[in-house]
PDB file of N, CA and C in Angstrom:
ATOM      1  N   UNK A   1       6.579  12.254   7.428  1.00  0.00           N
ATOM      2  CA  UNK A   1       6.556  11.742   6.092  1.00  0.00           C
ATOM      3  C   UNK A   1       5.334  12.334   5.366  1.00  0.00           C
ATOM      4  N   UNK A   2       5.517  12.806   4.152  1.00  0.00           N
ATOM      5  CA  UNK A   2       4.417  13.383   3.385  1.00  0.00           C
ATOM      6  C   UNK A   2       3.632  12.251   2.721  1.00  0.00           C
ATOM      7  N   UNK A   3       2.403  12.591   2.282  1.00  0.00           N
ATOM      8  CA  UNK A   3       1.630  11.634   1.527  1.00  0.00           C
ATOM      9  C   UNK A   3       2.294  11.247   0.207  1.00  0.00           C
ATOM     10  N   UNK A   4       3.009  12.202  -0.377  1.00  0.00           N
ATOM     11  CA  UNK A   4       3.719  11.918  -1.624  1.00  0.00           C
ATOM     12  C   UNK A   4       4.753  10.833  -1.416  1.00  0.00           C
ATOM     13  N   UNK A   5       5.543  10.929  -0.353  1.00  0.00           N
ATOM     14  CA  UNK A   5       6.555   9.949  -0.015  1.00  0.00           C
ATOM     15  C   UNK A   5       5.919   8.592   0.312  1.00  0.00           C
ATOM     16  N   UNK A   6       4.871   8.603   1.100  1.00  0.00           N
ATOM     17  CA  UNK A   6       4.169   7.374   1.478  1.00  0.00           C
ATOM     18  C   UNK A   6       3.630   6.656   0.243  1.00  0.00           C
ATOM     19  N   UNK A   7       3.027   7.414  -0.643  1.00  0.00           N
ATOM     20  CA  UNK A   7       2.500   6.876  -1.911  1.00  0.00           C
ATOM     21  C   UNK A   7       3.629   6.219  -2.712  1.00  0.00           C
ATOM     22  N   UNK A   8       4.760   6.868  -2.828  1.00  0.00           N
ATOM     23  CA  UNK A   8       5.883   6.321  -3.570  1.00  0.00           C
ATOM     24  C   UNK A   8       6.379   5.051  -2.914  1.00  0.00           C
ATOM     25  N   UNK A   9       6.488   4.991  -1.606  1.00  0.00           N
ATOM     26  CA  UNK A   9       7.009   3.810  -0.912  1.00  0.00           C
ATOM     27  C   UNK A   9       6.101   2.616  -1.136  1.00  0.00           C
ATOM     28  N   UNK A  10       4.797   2.768  -0.972  1.00  0.00           N
ATOM     29  CA  UNK A  10       3.943   1.609  -1.174  1.00  0.00           C
ATOM     30  C   UNK A  10       3.836   1.224  -2.667  1.00  0.00           C
ATOM     31  N   UNK A  11       3.999   2.205  -3.508  1.00  0.00           N
ATOM     32  CA  UNK A  11       3.981   1.874  -4.952  1.00  0.00           C
ATOM     33  C   UNK A  11       5.140   1.010  -5.351  1.00  0.00           C
ATOM     34  N   UNK A  12       6.250   1.152  -4.664  1.00  0.00           N
ATOM     35  CA  UNK A  12       7.445   0.343  -4.923  1.00  0.00           C
ATOM     36  C   UNK A  12       7.245  -1.141  -4.600  1.00  0.00           C
ATOM     37  N   UNK A  13       6.183  -1.440  -3.805  1.00  0.00           N
ATOM     38  CA  UNK A  13       5.908  -2.830  -3.488  1.00  0.00           C
ATOM     39  C   UNK A  13       4.548  -3.234  -4.092  1.00  0.00           C
ATOM     40  N   UNK A  14       4.187  -2.558  -5.176  1.00  0.00           N
ATOM     41  CA  UNK A  14       2.986  -2.889  -5.988  1.00  0.00           C
ATOM     42  C   UNK A  14       1.656  -2.682  -5.266  1.00  0.00           C
ATOM     43  N   UNK A  15       1.601  -1.711  -4.377  1.00  0.00           N
ATOM     44  CA  UNK A  15       0.351  -1.333  -3.731  1.00  0.00           C
ATOM     45  C   UNK A  15       0.003   0.052  -4.267  1.00  0.00           C
ATOM     46  N   UNK A  16      -1.212   0.154  -4.800  1.00  0.00           N
ATOM     47  CA  UNK A  16      -1.622   1.431  -5.388  1.00  0.00           C
ATOM     48  C   UNK A  16      -2.307   2.285  -4.326  1.00  0.00           C
ATOM     49  N   UNK A  17      -1.852   3.476  -4.202  1.00  0.00           N
ATOM     50  CA  UNK A  17      -2.447   4.454  -3.259  1.00  0.00           C
ATOM     51  C   UNK A  17      -2.336   5.822  -3.968  1.00  0.00           C
ATOM     52  N   UNK A  18      -2.767   6.851  -3.272  1.00  0.00           N
ATOM     53  CA  UNK A  18      -2.482   8.193  -3.828  1.00  0.00           C
ATOM     54  C   UNK A  18      -2.418   9.153  -2.677  1.00  0.00           C
ATOM     55  N   UNK A  19      -1.539  10.105  -2.820  1.00  0.00           N
ATOM     56  CA  UNK A  19      -1.427  11.149  -1.815  1.00  0.00           C
ATOM     57  C   UNK A  19      -2.752  11.879  -1.727  1.00  0.00           C
ATOM     58  N   UNK A  20      -3.065  12.341  -0.551  1.00  0.00           N
ATOM     59  CA  UNK A  20      -4.365  12.981  -0.368  1.00  0.00           C
ATOM     60  C   UNK A  20      -4.262  14.026   0.733  1.00  0.00           C
ATOM     61  N   UNK A  21      -4.948  15.151   0.517  1.00  0.00           N
ATOM     62  CA  UNK A  21      -4.948  16.169   1.556  1.00  0.00           C
ATOM     63  C   UNK A  21      -5.828  15.741   2.731  1.00  0.00           C
ATOM     64  N   UNK A  22      -5.561  16.264   3.838  1.00  0.00           N
ATOM     65  CA  UNK A  22      -6.393  16.036   5.023  1.00  0.00           C
ATOM     66  C   UNK A  22      -6.908  17.378   5.492  1.00  0.00           C
ATOM     67  N   UNK A  23      -7.963  17.402   6.306  1.00  0.00           N
ATOM     68  CA  UNK A  23      -8.486  18.677   6.768  1.00  0.00           C
ATOM     69  C   UNK A  23      -7.405  19.569   7.428  1.00  0.00           C
ATOM     70  N   UNK A  24      -7.396  20.787   7.032  1.00  0.00           N
ATOM     71  CA  UNK A  24      -6.410  21.760   7.523  1.00  0.00           C
ATOM     72  C   UNK A  24      -4.996  21.334   7.249  1.00  0.00           C
ATOM     73  N   UNK A  25      -4.774  20.735   6.097  1.00  0.00           N
ATOM     74  CA  UNK A  25      -3.469  20.200   5.714  1.00  0.00           C
ATOM     75  C   UNK A  25      -2.390  21.280   5.629  1.00  0.00           C
ATOM     76  N   UNK A  26      -1.312  21.172   6.390  1.00  0.00           N
ATOM     77  CA  UNK A  26      -0.269  22.174   6.301  1.00  0.00           C
ATOM     78  C   UNK A  26       0.631  21.990   5.071  1.00  0.00           C
ATOM     79  N   UNK A  27       0.561  20.856   4.442  1.00  0.00           N
ATOM     80  CA  UNK A  27       1.377  20.608   3.244  1.00  0.00           C
ATOM     81  C   UNK A  27       0.677  21.127   2.000  1.00  0.00           C
ATOM     82  N   UNK A  28       1.437  21.316   0.959  1.00  0.00           N
ATOM     83  CA  UNK A  28       0.890  21.749  -0.322  1.00  0.00           C
ATOM     84  C   UNK A  28       0.099  20.592  -0.948  1.00  0.00           C
ATOM     85  N   UNK A  29      -0.793  20.886  -1.916  1.00  0.00           N
ATOM     86  CA  UNK A  29      -1.484  19.809  -2.599  1.00  0.00           C
ATOM     87  C   UNK A  29      -0.578  18.877  -3.407  1.00  0.00           C
ATOM     88  N   UNK A  30       0.646  19.301  -3.606  1.00  0.00           N
ATOM     89  CA  UNK A  30       1.602  18.470  -4.357  1.00  0.00           C
ATOM     90  C   UNK A  30       2.319  17.504  -3.461  1.00  0.00           C
ATOM     91  N   UNK A  31       2.319  17.769  -2.169  1.00  0.00           N
ATOM     92  CA  UNK A  31       3.006  16.850  -1.214  1.00  0.00           C
ATOM     93  C   UNK A  31       1.995  16.180  -0.294  1.00  0.00           C
ATOM     94  N   UNK A  32       1.062  16.868   0.221  1.00  0.00           N
ATOM     95  CA  UNK A  32      -0.012  16.424   1.110  1.00  0.00           C
ATOM     96  C   UNK A  32       0.511  15.822   2.429  1.00  0.00           C
ATOM     97  N   UNK A  33      -0.384  15.678   3.377  1.00  0.00           N
ATOM     98  CA  UNK A  33      -0.071  15.043   4.625  1.00  0.00           C
ATOM     99  C   UNK A  33      -0.677  13.645   4.743  1.00  0.00           C
ATOM    100  N   UNK A  34      -1.491  13.261   3.786  1.00  0.00           N
ATOM    101  CA  UNK A  34      -2.179  12.001   3.883  1.00  0.00           C
ATOM    102  C   UNK A  34      -2.024  11.113   2.662  1.00  0.00           C
ATOM    103  N   UNK A  35      -2.508   9.911   2.814  1.00  0.00           N
ATOM    104  CA  UNK A  35      -2.493   8.928   1.715  1.00  0.00           C
ATOM    105  C   UNK A  35      -3.834   8.227   1.738  1.00  0.00           C
ATOM    106  N   UNK A  36      -4.421   7.994   0.585  1.00  0.00           N
ATOM    107  CA  UNK A  36      -5.717   7.349   0.496  1.00  0.00           C
ATOM    108  C   UNK A  36      -5.559   5.938  -0.068  1.00  0.00           C
ATOM    109  N   UNK A  37      -6.255   5.015   0.525  1.00  0.00           N
ATOM    110  CA  UNK A  37      -6.261   3.613   0.072  1.00  0.00           C
ATOM    111  C   UNK A  37      -7.697   3.227  -0.177  1.00  0.00           C
ATOM    112  N   UNK A  38      -7.912   2.441  -1.207  1.00  0.00           N
ATOM    113  CA  UNK A  38      -9.220   1.922  -1.519  1.00  0.00           C
ATOM    114  C   UNK A  38      -9.203   0.385  -1.359  1.00  0.00           C
ATOM    115  N   UNK A  39     -10.367  -0.186  -1.127  1.00  0.00           N
ATOM    116  CA  UNK A  39     -10.408  -1.625  -0.950  1.00  0.00           C
ATOM    117  C   UNK A  39     -11.224  -2.320  -1.995  1.00  0.00           C
ATOM    118  N   UNK A  40     -11.851  -1.581  -2.912  1.00  0.00           N
ATOM    119  CA  UNK A  40     -12.749  -2.203  -3.887  1.00  0.00           C
ATOM    120  C   UNK A  40     -12.018  -3.268  -4.734  1.00  0.00           C
ATOM    121  N   UNK A  41     -10.811  -2.960  -5.181  1.00  0.00           N
ATOM    122  CA  UNK A  41     -10.077  -3.879  -6.012  1.00  0.00           C
ATOM    123  C   UNK A  41      -9.756  -5.182  -5.250  1.00  0.00           C
ATOM    124  N   UNK A  42      -9.489  -5.048  -3.942  1.00  0.00           N
ATOM    125  CA  UNK A  42      -9.161  -6.209  -3.142  1.00  0.00           C
ATOM    126  C   UNK A  42     -10.372  -7.094  -2.849  1.00  0.00           C
ATOM    127  N   UNK A  43     -11.504  -6.439  -2.574  1.00  0.00           N
ATOM    128  CA  UNK A  43     -12.713  -7.269  -2.315  1.00  0.00           C
ATOM    129  C   UNK A  43     -13.177  -7.921  -3.644  1.00  0.00           C
ATOM    130  N   UNK A  44     -12.968  -7.247  -4.764  1.00  0.00           N
ATOM    131  CA  UNK A  44     -13.326  -7.848  -6.058  1.00  0.00           C
ATOM    132  C   UNK A  44     -12.487  -9.101  -6.309  1.00  0.00           C
ATOM    133  N   UNK A  45     -11.233  -9.040  -5.872  1.00  0.00           N
ATOM    134  CA  UNK A  45     -10.351 -10.224  -6.023  1.00  0.00           C
ATOM    135  C   UNK A  45     -10.674 -11.329  -5.039  1.00  0.00           C
ATOM    136  N   UNK A  46     -11.483 -11.034  -4.007  1.00  0.00           N
ATOM    137  CA  UNK A  46     -11.847 -12.022  -3.057  1.00  0.00           C
ATOM    138  C   UNK A  46     -10.982 -12.029  -1.802  1.00  0.00           C
ATOM    139  N   UNK A  47     -10.243 -10.998  -1.558  1.00  0.00           N
ATOM    140  CA  UNK A  47      -9.413 -10.936  -0.368  1.00  0.00           C
ATOM    141  C   UNK A  47     -10.282 -11.160   0.881  1.00  0.00           C
ATOM    142  N   UNK A  48      -9.775 -11.999   1.803  1.00  0.00           N
ATOM    143  CA  UNK A  48     -10.456 -12.271   3.026  1.00  0.00           C
ATOM    144  C   UNK A  48      -9.827 -11.431   4.123  1.00  0.00           C
ATOM    145  N   UNK A  49     -10.324 -11.592   5.347  1.00  0.00           N
ATOM    146  CA  UNK A  49      -9.834 -10.792   6.490  1.00  0.00           C
ATOM    147  C   UNK A  49      -8.327 -10.990   6.706  1.00  0.00           C
ATOM    148  N   UNK A  50      -7.880 -12.216   6.563  1.00  0.00           N
ATOM    149  CA  UNK A  50      -6.483 -12.493   6.751  1.00  0.00           C
ATOM    150  C   UNK A  50      -5.626 -11.791   5.703  1.00  0.00           C
ATOM    151  N   UNK A  51      -6.074 -11.793   4.492  1.00  0.00           N
ATOM    152  CA  UNK A  51      -5.361 -11.111   3.379  1.00  0.00           C
ATOM    153  C   UNK A  51      -5.277  -9.610   3.635  1.00  0.00           C
ATOM    154  N   UNK A  52      -6.405  -9.027   4.083  1.00  0.00           N
ATOM    155  CA  UNK A  52      -6.396  -7.590   4.436  1.00  0.00           C
ATOM    156  C   UNK A  52      -5.428  -7.304   5.567  1.00  0.00           C
ATOM    157  N   UNK A  53      -5.356  -8.204   6.542  1.00  0.00           N
ATOM    158  CA  UNK A  53      -4.368  -8.014   7.615  1.00  0.00           C
ATOM    159  C   UNK A  53      -2.979  -8.020   7.060  1.00  0.00           C
ATOM    160  N   UNK A  54      -2.674  -8.907   6.122  1.00  0.00           N
ATOM    161  CA  UNK A  54      -1.364  -8.958   5.519  1.00  0.00           C
ATOM    162  C   UNK A  54      -1.048  -7.653   4.749  1.00  0.00           C
ATOM    163  N   UNK A  55      -2.057  -7.133   4.033  1.00  0.00           N
ATOM    164  CA  UNK A  55      -1.828  -5.904   3.304  1.00  0.00           C
ATOM    165  C   UNK A  55      -1.526  -4.773   4.286  1.00  0.00           C
ATOM    166  N   UNK A  56      -2.257  -4.723   5.371  1.00  0.00           N
ATOM    167  CA  UNK A  56      -1.973  -3.627   6.339  1.00  0.00           C
ATOM    168  C   UNK A  56      -0.604  -3.766   6.966  1.00  0.00           C
ATOM    169  N   UNK A  57      -0.170  -5.004   7.209  1.00  0.00           N
ATOM    170  CA  UNK A  57       1.204  -5.213   7.740  1.00  0.00           C
ATOM    171  C   UNK A  57       2.252  -4.790   6.724  1.00  0.00           C
ATOM    172  N   UNK A  58       2.025  -5.107   5.470  1.00  0.00           N
ATOM    173  CA  UNK A  58       2.979  -4.702   4.443  1.00  0.00           C
ATOM    174  C   UNK A  58       3.103  -3.185   4.387  1.00  0.00           C
ATOM    175  N   UNK A  59       1.946  -2.497   4.413  1.00  0.00           N
ATOM    176  CA  UNK A  59       2.005  -1.038   4.353  1.00  0.00           C
ATOM    177  C   UNK A  59       2.719  -0.484   5.577  1.00  0.00           C
ATOM    178  N   UNK A  60       2.405  -0.997   6.737  1.00  0.00           N
ATOM    179  CA  UNK A  60       3.044  -0.513   7.958  1.00  0.00           C
ATOM    180  C   UNK A  60       4.569  -0.741   7.939  1.00  0.00           C
ATOM    181  N   UNK A  61       4.967  -1.954   7.568  1.00  0.00           N
ATOM    182  CA  UNK A  61       6.417  -2.289   7.524  1.00  0.00           C
ATOM    183  C   UNK A  61       7.128  -1.410   6.523  1.00  0.00           C
ATOM    184  N   UNK A  62       6.518  -1.194   5.384  1.00  0.00           N
ATOM    185  CA  UNK A  62       7.158  -0.383   4.335  1.00  0.00           C
ATOM    186  C   UNK A  62       7.294   1.069   4.780  1.00  0.00           C
ATOM    187  N   UNK A  63       6.259   1.640   5.379  1.00  0.00           N
ATOM    188  CA  UNK A  63       6.321   3.035   5.771  1.00  0.00           C
ATOM    189  C   UNK A  63       7.204   3.251   6.993  1.00  0.00           C
ATOM    190  N   UNK A  64       7.248   2.285   7.857  1.00  0.00           N
ATOM    191  CA  UNK A  64       8.098   2.455   9.051  1.00  0.00           C
ATOM    192  C   UNK A  64       9.578   2.148   8.802  1.00  0.00           C
ATOM    193  N   UNK A  65       9.863   1.536   7.666  1.00  0.00           N
ATOM    194  CA  UNK A  65      11.241   1.151   7.355  1.00  0.00           C
ATOM    195  C   UNK A  65      11.604   1.522   5.900  1.00  0.00           C
ATOM    196  N   UNK A  66      11.505   2.806   5.524  1.00  0.00           N
ATOM    197  CA  UNK A  66      11.680   3.198   4.140  1.00  0.00           C
ATOM    198  C   UNK A  66      13.076   2.930   3.564  1.00  0.00           C
ATOM    199  N   UNK A  67      14.076   2.838   4.391  1.00  0.00           N
ATOM    200  CA  UNK A  67      15.466   2.623   3.918  1.00  0.00           C
ATOM    201  C   UNK A  67      15.880   1.180   3.917  1.00  0.00           C
ATOM    202  N   UNK A  68      15.091   0.286   4.427  1.00  0.00           N
ATOM    203  CA  UNK A  68      15.463  -1.109   4.628  1.00  0.00           C
ATOM    204  C   UNK A  68      15.103  -1.936   3.379  1.00  0.00           C
ATOM    205  N   UNK A  69      16.101  -2.246   2.558  1.00  0.00           N
ATOM    206  CA  UNK A  69      15.830  -3.001   1.339  1.00  0.00           C
ATOM    207  C   UNK A  69      15.357  -4.440   1.587  1.00  0.00           C
ATOM    208  N   UNK A  70      15.768  -5.020   2.677  1.00  0.00           N
ATOM    209  CA  UNK A  70      15.322  -6.423   2.970  1.00  0.00           C
ATOM    210  C   UNK A  70      13.827  -6.400   3.309  1.00  0.00           C
ATOM    211  N   UNK A  71      13.351  -5.400   4.004  1.00  0.00           N
ATOM    212  CA  UNK A  71      11.926  -5.306   4.304  1.00  0.00           C
ATOM    213  C   UNK A  71      11.161  -4.960   3.030  1.00  0.00           C
ATOM    214  N   UNK A  72      11.702  -4.106   2.200  1.00  0.00           N
ATOM    215  CA  UNK A  72      11.082  -3.793   0.911  1.00  0.00           C
ATOM    216  C   UNK A  72      10.896  -5.061   0.108  1.00  0.00           C
ATOM    217  N   UNK A  73      11.924  -5.877   0.045  1.00  0.00           N
ATOM    218  CA  UNK A  73      11.880  -7.130  -0.718  1.00  0.00           C
ATOM    219  C   UNK A  73      10.815  -8.084  -0.137  1.00  0.00           C
ATOM    220  N   UNK A  74      10.809  -8.195   1.192  1.00  0.00           N
ATOM    221  CA  UNK A  74       9.805  -9.076   1.853  1.00  0.00           C
ATOM    222  C   UNK A  74       8.380  -8.557   1.614  1.00  0.00           C
ATOM    223  N   UNK A  75       8.178  -7.284   1.627  1.00  0.00           N
ATOM    224  CA  UNK A  75       6.885  -6.677   1.360  1.00  0.00           C
ATOM    225  C   UNK A  75       6.439  -7.005  -0.069  1.00  0.00           C
ATOM    226  N   UNK A  76       7.331  -6.822  -0.992  1.00  0.00           N
ATOM    227  CA  UNK A  76       7.025  -7.132  -2.390  1.00  0.00           C
ATOM    228  C   UNK A  76       6.676  -8.610  -2.569  1.00  0.00           C
ATOM    229  N   UNK A  77       7.413  -9.484  -1.935  1.00  0.00           N
ATOM    230  CA  UNK A  77       7.136 -10.914  -2.033  1.00  0.00           C
ATOM    231  C   UNK A  77       5.756 -11.243  -1.463  1.00  0.00           C
ATOM    232  N   UNK A  78       5.384 -10.599  -0.377  1.00  0.00           N
ATOM    233  CA  UNK A  78       4.063 -10.811   0.249  1.00  0.00           C
ATOM    234  C   UNK A  78       2.964 -10.366  -0.742  1.00  0.00           C
ATOM    235  N   UNK A  79       3.140  -9.201  -1.340  1.00  0.00           N
ATOM    236  CA  UNK A  79       2.146  -8.673  -2.289  1.00  0.00           C
ATOM    237  C   UNK A  79       2.022  -9.632  -3.506  1.00  0.00           C
ATOM    238  N   UNK A  80       3.130 -10.074  -4.009  1.00  0.00           N
ATOM    239  CA  UNK A  80       3.108 -10.995  -5.169  1.00  0.00           C
ATOM    240  C   UNK A  80       2.380 -12.279  -4.766  1.00  0.00           C
ATOM    241  N   UNK A  81       2.676 -12.812  -3.570  1.00  0.00           N
ATOM    242  CA  UNK A  81       2.020 -14.023  -3.099  1.00  0.00           C
ATOM    243  C   UNK A  81       0.521 -13.819  -2.972  1.00  0.00           C
ATOM    244  N   UNK A  82       0.075 -12.687  -2.450  1.00  0.00           N
ATOM    245  CA  UNK A  82      -1.371 -12.418  -2.331  1.00  0.00           C
ATOM    246  C   UNK A  82      -2.027 -12.313  -3.706  1.00  0.00           C
ATOM    247  N   UNK A  83      -1.338 -11.719  -4.641  1.00  0.00           N
ATOM    248  CA  UNK A  83      -1.892 -11.583  -6.008  1.00  0.00           C
ATOM    249  C   UNK A  83      -2.026 -12.941  -6.691  1.00  0.00           C
ATOM    250  N   UNK A  84      -1.104 -13.828  -6.385  1.00  0.00           N
ATOM    251  CA  UNK A  84      -1.205 -15.207  -6.936  1.00  0.00           C
ATOM    252  C   UNK A  84      -2.326 -15.986  -6.257  1.00  0.00           C
ATOM    253  N   UNK A  85      -2.462 -15.773  -4.966  1.00  0.00           N
ATOM    254  CA  UNK A  85      -3.519 -16.480  -4.206  1.00  0.00           C
ATOM    255  C   UNK A  85      -4.915 -15.976  -4.592  1.00  0.00           C
ATOM    256  N   UNK A  86      -5.011 -14.696  -4.918  1.00  0.00           N
ATOM    257  CA  UNK A  86      -6.328 -14.088  -5.289  1.00  0.00           C
ATOM    258  C   UNK A  86      -6.176 -13.439  -6.659  1.00  0.00           C
ATOM    259  N   UNK A  87      -6.125 -14.274  -7.731  1.00  0.00           N
ATOM    260  CA  UNK A  87      -5.912 -13.740  -9.068  1.00  0.00           C
ATOM    261  C   UNK A  87      -7.120 -12.887  -9.580  1.00  0.00           C
ATOM    262  N   UNK A  88      -6.812 -11.992 -10.514  1.00  0.00           N
ATOM    263  CA  UNK A  88      -7.864 -11.215 -11.127  1.00  0.00           C
ATOM    264  C   UNK A  88      -8.838 -12.073 -11.878  1.00  0.00           C
ATOM    265  N   UNK A  89      -8.326 -13.024 -12.602  1.00  0.00           N
ATOM    266  CA  UNK A  89      -9.136 -13.884 -13.477  1.00  0.00           C
ATOM    267  C   UNK A  89      -8.865 -15.313 -13.154  1.00  0.00           C
ATOM    268  N   UNK A  90      -9.882 -16.148 -13.143  1.00  0.00           N
ATOM    269  CA  UNK A  90      -9.726 -17.562 -12.988  1.00  0.00           C
ATOM    270  C   UNK A  90      -9.551 -18.190 -14.338  1.00  0.00           C
ATOM    271  N   UNK A  91      -8.654 -19.159 -14.426  1.00  0.00           N
ATOM    272  CA  UNK A  91      -8.414 -19.877 -15.673  1.00  0.00           C
ATOM    273  C   UNK A  91      -9.415 -20.982 -15.852  1.00  0.00           C
TER     274      UNK A  91
END
């Protein structure tokens, strides 16, 4: 799987990433072999260790099951739940 495909798959469940080259990358810069994830936005929202574990599980399930719509739906529901639990702004 290319970084471009991985980026697209996690984007479909509202996780922002970007394709990224890796050292000695055999893929072109437009496809790449890697994907980069940042955590600053999650720590700013107050994500705790358990929430980060859930995010990693969502990413793994989505990338390992790209054709499974039921897993895609479950991943999206988990992300939405985490965003509700850790909102950007408090009312």
